[in-house]
């Protein structure tokens, strides 16, 4: 479950962790939108703007993206990132990023603290 600890609201129940190089590389490429009912959490090797930069190549539907620092505090929220966007970077360095179905980041703002566990 993905939880906004700042307001105690549950964001989404299913969580998957991109915890290998292959999972981080693949992300949501070629995913079926009907099956994307979860948060995909990336634990990046280090906190950075460059390492947290993503692309939407071969992702065929819009998503929300939440970038967090090493303390799991939100540093940027991108809503409805469009398919095939070549590059998207956070405003500040991020250690984690979370890809969500479009609309699920509503109510999440910079400074919020998020927490999760894989189901």
PDB file of N, CA and C in Angstrom:
ATOM      1  N   UNK A   1       0.826  -1.175   0.000  1.00  0.00           N
ATOM      2  CA  UNK A   1       0.000   0.000   0.000  1.00  0.00           C
ATOM      3  C   UNK A   1       0.876   1.247   0.000  1.00  0.00           C
ATOM      4  N   UNK A   2       0.423   2.275  -0.724  1.00  0.00           N
ATOM      5  CA  UNK A   2       1.098   3.568  -0.749  1.00  0.00           C
ATOM      6  C   UNK A   2       0.265   4.534   0.085  1.00  0.00           C
ATOM      7  N   UNK A   3       0.927   5.158   1.067  1.00  0.00           N
ATOM      8  CA  UNK A   3       0.250   6.012   2.040  1.00  0.00           C
ATOM      9  C   UNK A   3       0.893   7.388   2.080  1.00  0.00           C
ATOM     10  N   UNK A   4       0.064   8.418   2.118  1.00  0.00           N
ATOM     11  CA  UNK A   4       0.550   9.768   2.354  1.00  0.00           C
ATOM     12  C   UNK A   4       0.533   9.968   3.872  1.00  0.00           C
ATOM     13  N   UNK A   5       1.709   9.898   4.497  1.00  0.00           N
ATOM     14  CA  UNK A   5       1.804  10.018   5.951  1.00  0.00           C
ATOM     15  C   UNK A   5       1.463  11.419   6.437  1.00  0.00           C
ATOM     16  N   UNK A   6       1.564  12.409   5.563  1.00  0.00           N
ATOM     17  CA  UNK A   6       1.285  13.790   5.961  1.00  0.00           C
ATOM     18  C   UNK A   6      -0.192  14.030   6.247  1.00  0.00           C
ATOM     19  N   UNK A   7      -1.063  13.272   5.573  1.00  0.00           N
ATOM     20  CA  UNK A   7      -2.499  13.438   5.820  1.00  0.00           C
ATOM     21  C   UNK A   7      -3.208  12.110   6.085  1.00  0.00           C
ATOM     22  N   UNK A   8      -2.435  11.038   6.244  1.00  0.00           N
ATOM     23  CA  UNK A   8      -2.953   9.688   6.553  1.00  0.00           C
ATOM     24  C   UNK A   8      -3.904   9.137   5.490  1.00  0.00           C
ATOM     25  N   UNK A   9      -3.746   9.571   4.240  1.00  0.00           N
ATOM     26  CA  UNK A   9      -4.615   9.069   3.174  1.00  0.00           C
ATOM     27  C   UNK A   9      -3.934   7.957   2.398  1.00  0.00           C
ATOM     28  N   UNK A  10      -4.707   6.933   2.101  1.00  0.00           N
ATOM     29  CA  UNK A  10      -4.234   5.843   1.260  1.00  0.00           C
ATOM     30  C   UNK A  10      -4.346   6.299  -0.192  1.00  0.00           C
ATOM     31  N   UNK A  11      -3.243   6.148  -0.930  1.00  0.00           N
ATOM     32  CA  UNK A  11      -3.206   6.608  -2.314  1.00  0.00           C
ATOM     33  C   UNK A  11      -3.603   5.477  -3.256  1.00  0.00           C
ATOM     34  N   UNK A  12      -3.001   4.297  -3.043  1.00  0.00           N
ATOM     35  CA  UNK A  12      -3.294   3.134  -3.881  1.00  0.00           C
ATOM     36  C   UNK A  12      -2.913   1.892  -3.084  1.00  0.00           C
ATOM     37  N   UNK A  13      -3.633   0.804  -3.287  1.00  0.00           N
ATOM     38  CA  UNK A  13      -3.418  -0.383  -2.468  1.00  0.00           C
ATOM     39  C   UNK A  13      -2.279  -1.275  -2.962  1.00  0.00           C
ATOM     40  N   UNK A  14      -2.139  -1.414  -4.280  1.00  0.00           N
ATOM     41  CA  UNK A  14      -1.094  -2.290  -4.806  1.00  0.00           C
ATOM     42  C   UNK A  14       0.197  -1.518  -5.047  1.00  0.00           C
ATOM     43  N   UNK A  15       1.320  -2.115  -4.638  1.00  0.00           N
ATOM     44  CA  UNK A  15       2.641  -1.513  -4.847  1.00  0.00           C
ATOM     45  C   UNK A  15       3.578  -2.582  -5.398  1.00  0.00           C
ATOM     46  N   UNK A  16       4.305  -2.213  -6.436  1.00  0.00           N
ATOM     47  CA  UNK A  16       5.380  -3.057  -6.967  1.00  0.00           C
ATOM     48  C   UNK A  16       6.672  -2.267  -6.880  1.00  0.00           C
ATOM     49  N   UNK A  17       7.767  -2.958  -6.617  1.00  0.00           N
ATOM     50  CA  UNK A  17       9.062  -2.303  -6.464  1.00  0.00           C
ATOM     51  C   UNK A  17       9.945  -2.639  -7.666  1.00  0.00           C
ATOM     52  N   UNK A  18      10.481  -1.625  -8.314  1.00  0.00           N
ATOM     53  CA  UNK A  18      11.460  -1.809  -9.396  1.00  0.00           C
ATOM     54  C   UNK A  18      12.827  -1.854  -8.720  1.00  0.00           C
ATOM     55  N   UNK A  19      13.196  -3.047  -8.264  1.00  0.00           N
ATOM     56  CA  UNK A  19      14.382  -3.192  -7.413  1.00  0.00           C
ATOM     57  C   UNK A  19      15.569  -3.865  -8.096  1.00  0.00           C
ATOM     58  N   UNK A  20      15.473  -4.046  -9.398  1.00  0.00           N
ATOM     59  CA  UNK A  20      16.613  -4.571 -10.148  1.00  0.00           C
ATOM     60  C   UNK A  20      16.883  -3.633 -11.321  1.00  0.00           C
ATOM     61  N   UNK A  21      18.053  -3.729 -11.895  1.00  0.00           N
ATOM     62  CA  UNK A  21      18.384  -2.890 -13.050  1.00  0.00           C
ATOM     63  C   UNK A  21      17.395  -3.118 -14.186  1.00  0.00           C
ATOM     64  N   UNK A  22      17.033  -4.371 -14.422  1.00  0.00           N
ATOM     65  CA  UNK A  22      16.096  -4.683 -15.507  1.00  0.00           C
ATOM     66  C   UNK A  22      14.724  -4.067 -15.236  1.00  0.00           C
ATOM     67  N   UNK A  23      14.206  -4.188 -14.016  1.00  0.00           N
ATOM     68  CA  UNK A  23      12.897  -3.616 -13.692  1.00  0.00           C
ATOM     69  C   UNK A  23      12.916  -2.099 -13.803  1.00  0.00           C
ATOM     70  N   UNK A  24      14.026  -1.472 -13.389  1.00  0.00           N
ATOM     71  CA  UNK A  24      14.136  -0.015 -13.504  1.00  0.00           C
ATOM     72  C   UNK A  24      14.217   0.402 -14.973  1.00  0.00           C
ATOM     73  N   UNK A  25      14.938  -0.358 -15.770  1.00  0.00           N
ATOM     74  CA  UNK A  25      15.071  -0.053 -17.192  1.00  0.00           C
ATOM     75  C   UNK A  25      13.732  -0.200 -17.911  1.00  0.00           C
ATOM     76  N   UNK A  26      13.013  -1.273 -17.617  1.00  0.00           N
ATOM     77  CA  UNK A  26      11.739  -1.542 -18.302  1.00  0.00           C
ATOM     78  C   UNK A  26      10.636  -0.602 -17.838  1.00  0.00           C
ATOM     79  N   UNK A  27      10.563  -0.347 -16.536  1.00  0.00           N
ATOM     80  CA  UNK A  27       9.512   0.532 -16.024  1.00  0.00           C
ATOM     81  C   UNK A  27       8.149   0.096 -16.509  1.00  0.00           C
ATOM     82  N   UNK A  28       7.426   0.997 -17.148  1.00  0.00           N
ATOM     83  CA  UNK A  28       6.087   0.694 -17.661  1.00  0.00           C
ATOM     84  C   UNK A  28       6.058   0.503 -19.169  1.00  0.00           C
ATOM     85  N   UNK A  29       7.240   0.389 -19.791  1.00  0.00           N
ATOM     86  CA  UNK A  29       7.253   0.186 -21.242  1.00  0.00           C
ATOM     87  C   UNK A  29       6.465  -1.068 -21.602  1.00  0.00           C
ATOM     88  N   UNK A  30       5.589  -0.919 -22.579  1.00  0.00           N
ATOM     89  CA  UNK A  30       4.771  -2.009 -23.114  1.00  0.00           C
ATOM     90  C   UNK A  30       3.738  -2.539 -22.128  1.00  0.00           C
ATOM     91  N   UNK A  31       3.523  -1.876 -21.002  1.00  0.00           N
ATOM     92  CA  UNK A  31       2.498  -2.289 -20.035  1.00  0.00           C
ATOM     93  C   UNK A  31       1.114  -2.015 -20.631  1.00  0.00           C
ATOM     94  N   UNK A  32       0.165  -2.861 -20.300  1.00  0.00           N
ATOM     95  CA  UNK A  32      -1.220  -2.693 -20.710  1.00  0.00           C
ATOM     96  C   UNK A  32      -1.885  -1.758 -19.706  1.00  0.00           C
ATOM     97  N   UNK A  33      -2.486  -0.689 -20.174  1.00  0.00           N
ATOM     98  CA  UNK A  33      -3.095   0.293 -19.275  1.00  0.00           C
ATOM     99  C   UNK A  33      -4.143  -0.347 -18.361  1.00  0.00           C
ATOM    100  N   UNK A  34      -4.882  -1.301 -18.864  1.00  0.00           N
ATOM    101  CA  UNK A  34      -5.923  -1.959 -18.060  1.00  0.00           C
ATOM    102  C   UNK A  34      -5.324  -2.724 -16.875  1.00  0.00           C
ATOM    103  N   UNK A  35      -4.061  -3.117 -16.980  1.00  0.00           N
ATOM    104  CA  UNK A  35      -3.403  -3.860 -15.896  1.00  0.00           C
ATOM    105  C   UNK A  35      -2.631  -2.950 -14.943  1.00  0.00           C
ATOM    106  N   UNK A  36      -2.533  -1.668 -15.277  1.00  0.00           N
ATOM    107  CA  UNK A  36      -1.761  -0.738 -14.444  1.00  0.00           C
ATOM    108  C   UNK A  36      -2.654  -0.166 -13.338  1.00  0.00           C
ATOM    109  N   UNK A  37      -2.803  -0.951 -12.286  1.00  0.00           N
ATOM    110  CA  UNK A  37      -3.636  -0.564 -11.138  1.00  0.00           C
ATOM    111  C   UNK A  37      -2.799  -0.555  -9.859  1.00  0.00           C
ATOM    112  N   UNK A  38      -1.533  -0.171  -9.999  1.00  0.00           N
ATOM    113  CA  UNK A  38      -0.585  -0.231  -8.890  1.00  0.00           C
ATOM    114  C   UNK A  38       0.373   0.954  -8.956  1.00  0.00           C
ATOM    115  N   UNK A  39       1.108   1.142  -7.868  1.00  0.00           N
ATOM    116  CA  UNK A  39       2.204   2.120  -7.843  1.00  0.00           C
ATOM    117  C   UNK A  39       3.487   1.371  -8.153  1.00  0.00           C
ATOM    118  N   UNK A  40       4.295   1.897  -9.055  1.00  0.00           N
ATOM    119  CA  UNK A  40       5.599   1.311  -9.357  1.00  0.00           C
ATOM    120  C   UNK A  40       6.653   2.203  -8.710  1.00  0.00           C
ATOM    121  N   UNK A  41       7.323   1.675  -7.688  1.00  0.00           N
ATOM    122  CA  UNK A  41       8.286   2.447  -6.899  1.00  0.00           C
ATOM    123  C   UNK A  41       9.704   2.100  -7.340  1.00  0.00           C
ATOM    124  N   UNK A  42      10.469   3.134  -7.658  1.00  0.00           N
ATOM    125  CA  UNK A  42      11.868   2.989  -8.040  1.00  0.00           C
ATOM    126  C   UNK A  42      12.739   3.483  -6.892  1.00  0.00           C
ATOM    127  N   UNK A  43      13.620   2.622  -6.391  1.00  0.00           N
ATOM    128  CA  UNK A  43      14.629   3.008  -5.407  1.00  0.00           C
ATOM    129  C   UNK A  43      15.915   3.203  -6.201  1.00  0.00           C
ATOM    130  N   UNK A  44      16.272   4.449  -6.408  1.00  0.00           N
ATOM    131  CA  UNK A  44      17.402   4.770  -7.282  1.00  0.00           C
ATOM    132  C   UNK A  44      18.735   4.587  -6.568  1.00  0.00           C
ATOM    133  N   UNK A  45      19.807   4.323  -7.316  1.00  0.00           N
ATOM    134  CA  UNK A  45      21.117   4.091  -6.697  1.00  0.00           C
ATOM    135  C   UNK A  45      21.601   5.255  -5.824  1.00  0.00           C
ATOM    136  N   UNK A  46      21.282   6.482  -6.243  1.00  0.00           N
ATOM    137  CA  UNK A  46      21.667   7.639  -5.422  1.00  0.00           C
ATOM    138  C   UNK A  46      20.690   8.782  -5.683  1.00  0.00           C
ATOM    139  N   UNK A  47      20.664   9.718  -4.767  1.00  0.00           N
ATOM    140  CA  UNK A  47      19.792  10.880  -4.887  1.00  0.00           C
ATOM    141  C   UNK A  47      20.381  11.841  -5.913  1.00  0.00           C
ATOM    142  N   UNK A  48      19.618  12.138  -6.966  1.00  0.00           N
ATOM    143  CA  UNK A  48      20.139  12.959  -8.050  1.00  0.00           C
ATOM    144  C   UNK A  48      18.995  13.381  -8.963  1.00  0.00           C
ATOM    145  N   UNK A  49      19.187  14.469  -9.676  1.00  0.00           N
ATOM    146  CA  UNK A  49      18.222  14.860 -10.701  1.00  0.00           C
ATOM    147  C   UNK A  49      18.413  13.977 -11.930  1.00  0.00           C
ATOM    148  N   UNK A  50      19.660  13.793 -12.335  1.00  0.00           N
ATOM    149  CA  UNK A  50      19.958  13.015 -13.534  1.00  0.00           C
ATOM    150  C   UNK A  50      19.505  11.558 -13.401  1.00  0.00           C
ATOM    151  N   UNK A  51      19.828  10.920 -12.284  1.00  0.00           N
ATOM    152  CA  UNK A  51      19.445   9.511 -12.094  1.00  0.00           C
ATOM    153  C   UNK A  51      17.936   9.328 -12.003  1.00  0.00           C
ATOM    154  N   UNK A  52      17.216  10.394 -11.625  1.00  0.00           N
ATOM    155  CA  UNK A  52      15.761  10.310 -11.497  1.00  0.00           C
ATOM    156  C   UNK A  52      15.031  10.697 -12.783  1.00  0.00           C
ATOM    157  N   UNK A  53      15.773  11.072 -13.813  1.00  0.00           N
ATOM    158  CA  UNK A  53      15.151  11.447 -15.084  1.00  0.00           C
ATOM    159  C   UNK A  53      14.560  10.207 -15.750  1.00  0.00           C
ATOM    160  N   UNK A  54      13.327  10.336 -16.218  1.00  0.00           N
ATOM    161  CA  UNK A  54      12.650   9.207 -16.867  1.00  0.00           C
ATOM    162  C   UNK A  54      12.218   9.610 -18.278  1.00  0.00           C
ATOM    163  N   UNK A  55      11.804   8.618 -19.050  1.00  0.00           N
ATOM    164  CA  UNK A  55      11.215   8.852 -20.365  1.00  0.00           C
ATOM    165  C   UNK A  55       9.922   8.060 -20.438  1.00  0.00           C
ATOM    166  N   UNK A  56       9.109   8.377 -21.427  1.00  0.00           N
ATOM    167  CA  UNK A  56       7.835   7.683 -21.608  1.00  0.00           C
ATOM    168  C   UNK A  56       7.796   6.944 -22.945  1.00  0.00           C
ATOM    169  N   UNK A  57       8.969   6.613 -23.482  1.00  0.00           N
ATOM    170  CA  UNK A  57       9.009   5.874 -24.732  1.00  0.00           C
ATOM    171  C   UNK A  57       8.394   4.501 -24.522  1.00  0.00           C
ATOM    172  N   UNK A  58       7.500   4.132 -25.397  1.00  0.00           N
ATOM    173  CA  UNK A  58       6.802   2.849 -25.365  1.00  0.00           C
ATOM    174  C   UNK A  58       5.913   2.669 -24.137  1.00  0.00           C
ATOM    175  N   UNK A  59       5.525   3.781 -23.523  1.00  0.00           N
ATOM    176  CA  UNK A  59       4.455   3.792 -22.517  1.00  0.00           C
ATOM    177  C   UNK A  59       3.287   4.450 -23.245  1.00  0.00           C
ATOM    178  N   UNK A  60       2.175   3.745 -23.352  1.00  0.00           N
ATOM    179  CA  UNK A  60       1.111   4.140 -24.271  1.00  0.00           C
ATOM    180  C   UNK A  60      -0.053   4.868 -23.609  1.00  0.00           C
ATOM    181  N   UNK A  61       0.113   5.334 -22.381  1.00  0.00           N
ATOM    182  CA  UNK A  61      -0.955   6.018 -21.665  1.00  0.00           C
ATOM    183  C   UNK A  61      -0.325   7.016 -20.685  1.00  0.00           C
ATOM    184  N   UNK A  62      -1.050   8.069 -20.311  1.00  0.00           N
ATOM    185  CA  UNK A  62      -0.499   9.045 -19.371  1.00  0.00           C
ATOM    186  C   UNK A  62      -0.406   8.462 -17.956  1.00  0.00           C
ATOM    187  N   UNK A  63       0.573   8.960 -17.206  1.00  0.00           N
ATOM    188  CA  UNK A  63       0.751   8.535 -15.817  1.00  0.00           C
ATOM    189  C   UNK A  63       1.075   9.758 -14.950  1.00  0.00           C
ATOM    190  N   UNK A  64       0.927   9.595 -13.647  1.00  0.00           N
ATOM    191  CA  UNK A  64       1.404  10.573 -12.684  1.00  0.00           C
ATOM    192  C   UNK A  64       2.737  10.079 -12.144  1.00  0.00           C
ATOM    193  N   UNK A  65       3.662  11.011 -11.879  1.00  0.00           N
ATOM    194  CA  UNK A  65       4.974  10.649 -11.344  1.00  0.00           C
ATOM    195  C   UNK A  65       5.250  11.503 -10.110  1.00  0.00           C
ATOM    196  N   UNK A  66       5.664  10.849  -9.033  1.00  0.00           N
ATOM    197  CA  UNK A  66       6.003  11.534  -7.790  1.00  0.00           C
ATOM    198  C   UNK A  66       7.479  11.263  -7.507  1.00  0.00           C
ATOM    199  N   UNK A  67       8.244  12.332  -7.300  1.00  0.00           N
ATOM    200  CA  UNK A  67       9.666  12.224  -6.992  1.00  0.00           C
ATOM    201  C   UNK A  67       9.867  12.531  -5.505  1.00  0.00           C
ATOM    202  N   UNK A  68      10.687  11.701  -4.830  1.00  0.00           N
ATOM    203  CA  UNK A  68      10.917  11.863  -3.400  1.00  0.00           C
ATOM    204  C   UNK A  68      12.400  11.882  -3.087  1.00  0.00           C
ATOM    205  N   UNK A  69      12.763  12.579  -2.013  1.00  0.00           N
ATOM    206  CA  UNK A  69      14.156  12.596  -1.582  1.00  0.00           C
ATOM    207  C   UNK A  69      14.457  11.370  -0.722  1.00  0.00           C
ATOM    208  N   UNK A  70      15.651  11.293  -0.176  1.00  0.00           N
ATOM    209  CA  UNK A  70      16.069  10.119   0.604  1.00  0.00           C
ATOM    210  C   UNK A  70      15.232   9.915   1.864  1.00  0.00           C
ATOM    211  N   UNK A  71      14.547  10.966   2.321  1.00  0.00           N
ATOM    212  CA  UNK A  71      13.683  10.868   3.500  1.00  0.00           C
ATOM    213  C   UNK A  71      12.232  10.590   3.136  1.00  0.00           C
ATOM    214  N   UNK A  72      11.993  10.279   1.871  1.00  0.00           N
ATOM    215  CA  UNK A  72      10.666   9.984   1.338  1.00  0.00           C
ATOM    216  C   UNK A  72       9.736  11.194   1.375  1.00  0.00           C
ATOM    217  N   UNK A  73      10.326  12.368   1.288  1.00  0.00           N
ATOM    218  CA  UNK A  73       9.536  13.606   1.185  1.00  0.00           C
ATOM    219  C   UNK A  73       9.432  13.993  -0.289  1.00  0.00           C
ATOM    220  N   UNK A  74       8.243  14.380  -0.689  1.00  0.00           N
ATOM    221  CA  UNK A  74       7.968  14.722  -2.085  1.00  0.00           C
ATOM    222  C   UNK A  74       8.723  15.989  -2.478  1.00  0.00           C
ATOM    223  N   UNK A  75       9.492  15.887  -3.569  1.00  0.00           N
ATOM    224  CA  UNK A  75      10.213  17.053  -4.097  1.00  0.00           C
ATOM    225  C   UNK A  75       9.608  17.560  -5.407  1.00  0.00           C
ATOM    226  N   UNK A  76       8.775  16.737  -6.060  1.00  0.00           N
ATOM    227  CA  UNK A  76       8.123  17.165  -7.298  1.00  0.00           C
ATOM    228  C   UNK A  76       6.998  16.186  -7.628  1.00  0.00           C
ATOM    229  N   UNK A  77       5.951  16.694  -8.246  1.00  0.00           N
ATOM    230  CA  UNK A  77       4.827  15.876  -8.708  1.00  0.00           C
ATOM    231  C   UNK A  77       4.533  16.285 -10.142  1.00  0.00           C
ATOM    232  N   UNK A  78       4.502  15.311 -11.035  1.00  0.00           N
ATOM    233  CA  UNK A  78       4.149  15.537 -12.435  1.00  0.00           C
ATOM    234  C   UNK A  78       2.847  14.780 -12.686  1.00  0.00           C
ATOM    235  N   UNK A  79       1.828  15.509 -13.080  1.00  0.00           N
ATOM    236  CA  UNK A  79       0.522  14.877 -13.321  1.00  0.00           C
ATOM    237  C   UNK A  79       0.292  14.697 -14.811  1.00  0.00           C
ATOM    238  N   UNK A  80      -0.266  13.548 -15.155  1.00  0.00           N
ATOM    239  CA  UNK A  80      -0.628  13.204 -16.535  1.00  0.00           C
ATOM    240  C   UNK A  80       0.525  13.405 -17.520  1.00  0.00           C
ATOM    241  N   UNK A  81       1.657  12.801 -17.191  1.00  0.00           N
ATOM    242  CA  UNK A  81       2.801  12.806 -18.107  1.00  0.00           C
ATOM    243  C   UNK A  81       2.405  12.008 -19.349  1.00  0.00           C
ATOM    244  N   UNK A  82       2.567  12.628 -20.505  1.00  0.00           N
ATOM    245  CA  UNK A  82       2.052  12.053 -21.739  1.00  0.00           C
ATOM    246  C   UNK A  82       2.932  10.945 -22.309  1.00  0.00           C
ATOM    247  N   UNK A  83       2.300   9.992 -23.005  1.00  0.00           N
ATOM    248  CA  UNK A  83       3.056   8.933 -23.671  1.00  0.00           C
ATOM    249  C   UNK A  83       4.114   9.513 -24.610  1.00  0.00           C
ATOM    250  N   UNK A  84       5.217   8.813 -24.707  1.00  0.00           N
ATOM    251  CA  UNK A  84       6.321   9.133 -25.607  1.00  0.00           C
ATOM    252  C   UNK A  84       7.002  10.471 -25.297  1.00  0.00           C
ATOM    253  N   UNK A  85       6.808  11.001 -24.080  1.00  0.00           N
ATOM    254  CA  UNK A  85       7.576  12.176 -23.649  1.00  0.00           C
ATOM    255  C   UNK A  85       9.035  11.738 -23.564  1.00  0.00           C
ATOM    256  N   UNK A  86       9.955  12.445 -24.245  1.00  0.00           N
ATOM    257  CA  UNK A  86      11.336  11.965 -24.310  1.00  0.00           C
ATOM    258  C   UNK A  86      12.123  12.074 -23.008  1.00  0.00           C
ATOM    259  N   UNK A  87      11.745  13.016 -22.130  1.00  0.00           N
ATOM    260  CA  UNK A  87      12.519  13.192 -20.906  1.00  0.00           C
ATOM    261  C   UNK A  87      11.708  13.978 -19.883  1.00  0.00           C
ATOM    262  N   UNK A  88      11.801  13.552 -18.628  1.00  0.00           N
ATOM    263  CA  UNK A  88      11.129  14.241 -17.536  1.00  0.00           C
ATOM    264  C   UNK A  88      12.021  14.144 -16.305  1.00  0.00           C
ATOM    265  N   UNK A  89      12.411  15.296 -15.763  1.00  0.00           N
ATOM    266  CA  UNK A  89      13.304  15.354 -14.606  1.00  0.00           C
ATOM    267  C   UNK A  89      12.625  16.065 -13.450  1.00  0.00           C
ATOM    268  N   UNK A  90      12.971  15.682 -12.220  1.00  0.00           N
ATOM    269  CA  UNK A  90      12.425  16.402 -11.064  1.00  0.00           C
ATOM    270  C   UNK A  90      13.099  17.764 -10.904  1.00  0.00           C
ATOM    271  N   UNK A  91      12.419  18.660 -10.180  1.00  0.00           N
ATOM    272  CA  UNK A  91      12.975  19.991  -9.903  1.00  0.00           C
ATOM    273  C   UNK A  91      14.169  19.919  -8.962  1.00  0.00           C
ATOM    274  N   UNK A  92      14.156  18.925  -8.076  1.00  0.00           N
ATOM    275  CA  UNK A  92      15.219  18.746  -7.084  1.00  0.00           C
ATOM    276  C   UNK A  92      15.690  17.296  -7.124  1.00  0.00           C
ATOM    277  N   UNK A  93      16.863  17.003  -6.565  1.00  0.00           N
ATOM    278  CA  UNK A  93      17.350  15.623  -6.550  1.00  0.00           C
ATOM    279  C   UNK A  93      16.345  14.671  -5.876  1.00  0.00           C
ATOM    280  N   UNK A  94      16.238  13.471  -6.448  1.00  0.00           N
ATOM    281  CA  UNK A  94      15.316  12.452  -5.926  1.00  0.00           C
ATOM    282  C   UNK A  94      16.049  11.135  -5.741  1.00  0.00           C
ATOM    283  N   UNK A  95      15.676  10.406  -4.705  1.00  0.00           N
ATOM    284  CA  UNK A  95      16.199   9.064  -4.423  1.00  0.00           C
ATOM    285  C   UNK A  95      15.167   8.001  -4.813  1.00  0.00           C
ATOM    286  N   UNK A  96      13.894   8.400  -4.771  1.00  0.00           N
ATOM    287  CA  UNK A  96      12.797   7.502  -5.126  1.00  0.00           C
ATOM    288  C   UNK A  96      11.914   8.204  -6.150  1.00  0.00           C
ATOM    289  N   UNK A  97      11.299   7.409  -7.011  1.00  0.00           N
ATOM    290  CA  UNK A  97      10.225   7.942  -7.840  1.00  0.00           C
ATOM    291  C   UNK A  97       9.133   6.900  -7.903  1.00  0.00           C
ATOM    292  N   UNK A  98       7.930   7.393  -8.014  1.00  0.00           N
ATOM    293  CA  UNK A  98       6.762   6.515  -8.017  1.00  0.00           C
ATOM    294  C   UNK A  98       5.920   6.840  -9.239  1.00  0.00           C
ATOM    295  N   UNK A  99       5.655   5.826 -10.054  1.00  0.00           N
ATOM    296  CA  UNK A  99       4.782   5.973 -11.211  1.00  0.00           C
ATOM    297  C   UNK A  99       3.406   5.446 -10.824  1.00  0.00           C
ATOM    298  N   UNK A 100       2.389   6.264 -11.098  1.00  0.00           N
ATOM    299  CA  UNK A 100       1.012   5.954 -10.695  1.00  0.00           C
ATOM    300  C   UNK A 100       0.059   6.109 -11.880  1.00  0.00           C
ATOM    301  N   UNK A 101      -1.089   5.421 -11.829  1.00  0.00           N
ATOM    302  CA  UNK A 101      -2.106   5.695 -12.846  1.00  0.00           C
ATOM    303  C   UNK A 101      -2.491   7.174 -12.801  1.00  0.00           C
ATOM    304  N   UNK A 102      -2.758   7.756 -13.959  1.00  0.00           N
ATOM    305  CA  UNK A 102      -3.127   9.178 -14.031  1.00  0.00           C
ATOM    306  C   UNK A 102      -4.284   9.469 -13.086  1.00  0.00           C
ATOM    307  N   UNK A 103      -4.139  10.550 -12.325  1.00  0.00           N
ATOM    308  CA  UNK A 103      -5.165  10.960 -11.369  1.00  0.00           C
ATOM    309  C   UNK A 103      -4.898  10.528  -9.947  1.00  0.00           C
ATOM    310  N   UNK A 104      -4.049   9.530  -9.756  1.00  0.00           N
ATOM    311  CA  UNK A 104      -3.774   9.018  -8.402  1.00  0.00           C
ATOM    312  C   UNK A 104      -2.881   9.947  -7.580  1.00  0.00           C
ATOM    313  N   UNK A 105      -2.180  10.882  -8.230  1.00  0.00           N
ATOM    314  CA  UNK A 105      -1.323  11.817  -7.483  1.00  0.00           C
ATOM    315  C   UNK A 105      -2.101  13.049  -7.015  1.00  0.00           C
ATOM    316  N   UNK A 106      -3.390  13.106  -7.339  1.00  0.00           N
ATOM    317  CA  UNK A 106      -4.198  14.232  -6.854  1.00  0.00           C
ATOM    318  C   UNK A 106      -4.156  14.225  -5.331  1.00  0.00           C
ATOM    319  N   UNK A 107      -3.890  15.364  -4.754  1.00  0.00           N
ATOM    320  CA  UNK A 107      -3.813  15.461  -3.300  1.00  0.00           C
ATOM    321  C   UNK A 107      -2.413  15.300  -2.746  1.00  0.00           C
ATOM    322  N   UNK A 108      -1.443  14.918  -3.599  1.00  0.00           N
ATOM    323  CA  UNK A 108      -0.045  14.820  -3.165  1.00  0.00           C
ATOM    324  C   UNK A 108       0.642  16.130  -3.525  1.00  0.00           C
ATOM    325  N   UNK A 109       1.371  16.708  -2.562  1.00  0.00           N
ATOM    326  CA  UNK A 109       2.049  17.971  -2.836  1.00  0.00           C
ATOM    327  C   UNK A 109       3.476  17.930  -2.317  1.00  0.00           C
ATOM    328  N   UNK A 110       4.277  18.856  -2.802  1.00  0.00           N
ATOM    329  CA  UNK A 110       5.661  18.947  -2.348  1.00  0.00           C
ATOM    330  C   UNK A 110       5.697  19.075  -0.830  1.00  0.00           C
ATOM    331  N   UNK A 111       6.633  18.341  -0.220  1.00  0.00           N
ATOM    332  CA  UNK A 111       6.777  18.354   1.230  1.00  0.00           C
ATOM    333  C   UNK A 111       6.040  17.228   1.925  1.00  0.00           C
ATOM    334  N   UNK A 112       5.061  16.609   1.252  1.00  0.00           N
ATOM    335  CA  UNK A 112       4.368  15.460   1.852  1.00  0.00           C
ATOM    336  C   UNK A 112       5.350  14.320   2.045  1.00  0.00           C
ATOM    337  N   UNK A 113       5.123  13.501   3.051  1.00  0.00           N
ATOM    338  CA  UNK A 113       5.936  12.308   3.290  1.00  0.00           C
ATOM    339  C   UNK A 113       5.114  11.087   2.930  1.00  0.00           C
ATOM    340  N   UNK A 114       5.663  10.255   2.053  1.00  0.00           N
ATOM    341  CA  UNK A 114       4.978   9.039   1.622  1.00  0.00           C
ATOM    342  C   UNK A 114       5.672   7.819   2.199  1.00  0.00           C
ATOM    343  N   UNK A 115       4.917   6.744   2.342  1.00  0.00           N
ATOM    344  CA  UNK A 115       5.470   5.470   2.784  1.00  0.00           C
ATOM    345  C   UNK A 115       4.747   4.364   2.021  1.00  0.00           C
ATOM    346  N   UNK A 116       5.398   3.223   1.894  1.00  0.00           N
ATOM    347  CA  UNK A 116       4.830   2.124   1.132  1.00  0.00           C
ATOM    348  C   UNK A 116       5.363   0.797   1.620  1.00  0.00           C
ATOM    349  N   UNK A 117       4.632  -0.235   1.276  1.00  0.00           N
ATOM    350  CA  UNK A 117       5.113  -1.604   1.394  1.00  0.00           C
ATOM    351  C   UNK A 117       4.473  -2.393   0.256  1.00  0.00           C
ATOM    352  N   UNK A 118       5.275  -3.320  -0.239  1.00  0.00           N
ATOM    353  CA  UNK A 118       4.833  -4.143  -1.367  1.00  0.00           C
ATOM    354  C   UNK A 118       3.825  -5.158  -0.866  1.00  0.00           C
ATOM    355  N   UNK A 119       2.790  -5.398  -1.694  1.00  0.00           N
ATOM    356  CA  UNK A 119       1.775  -6.373  -1.296  1.00  0.00           C
ATOM    357  C   UNK A 119       2.041  -7.714  -1.901  1.00  0.00           C
TER     358      UNK A 119
END
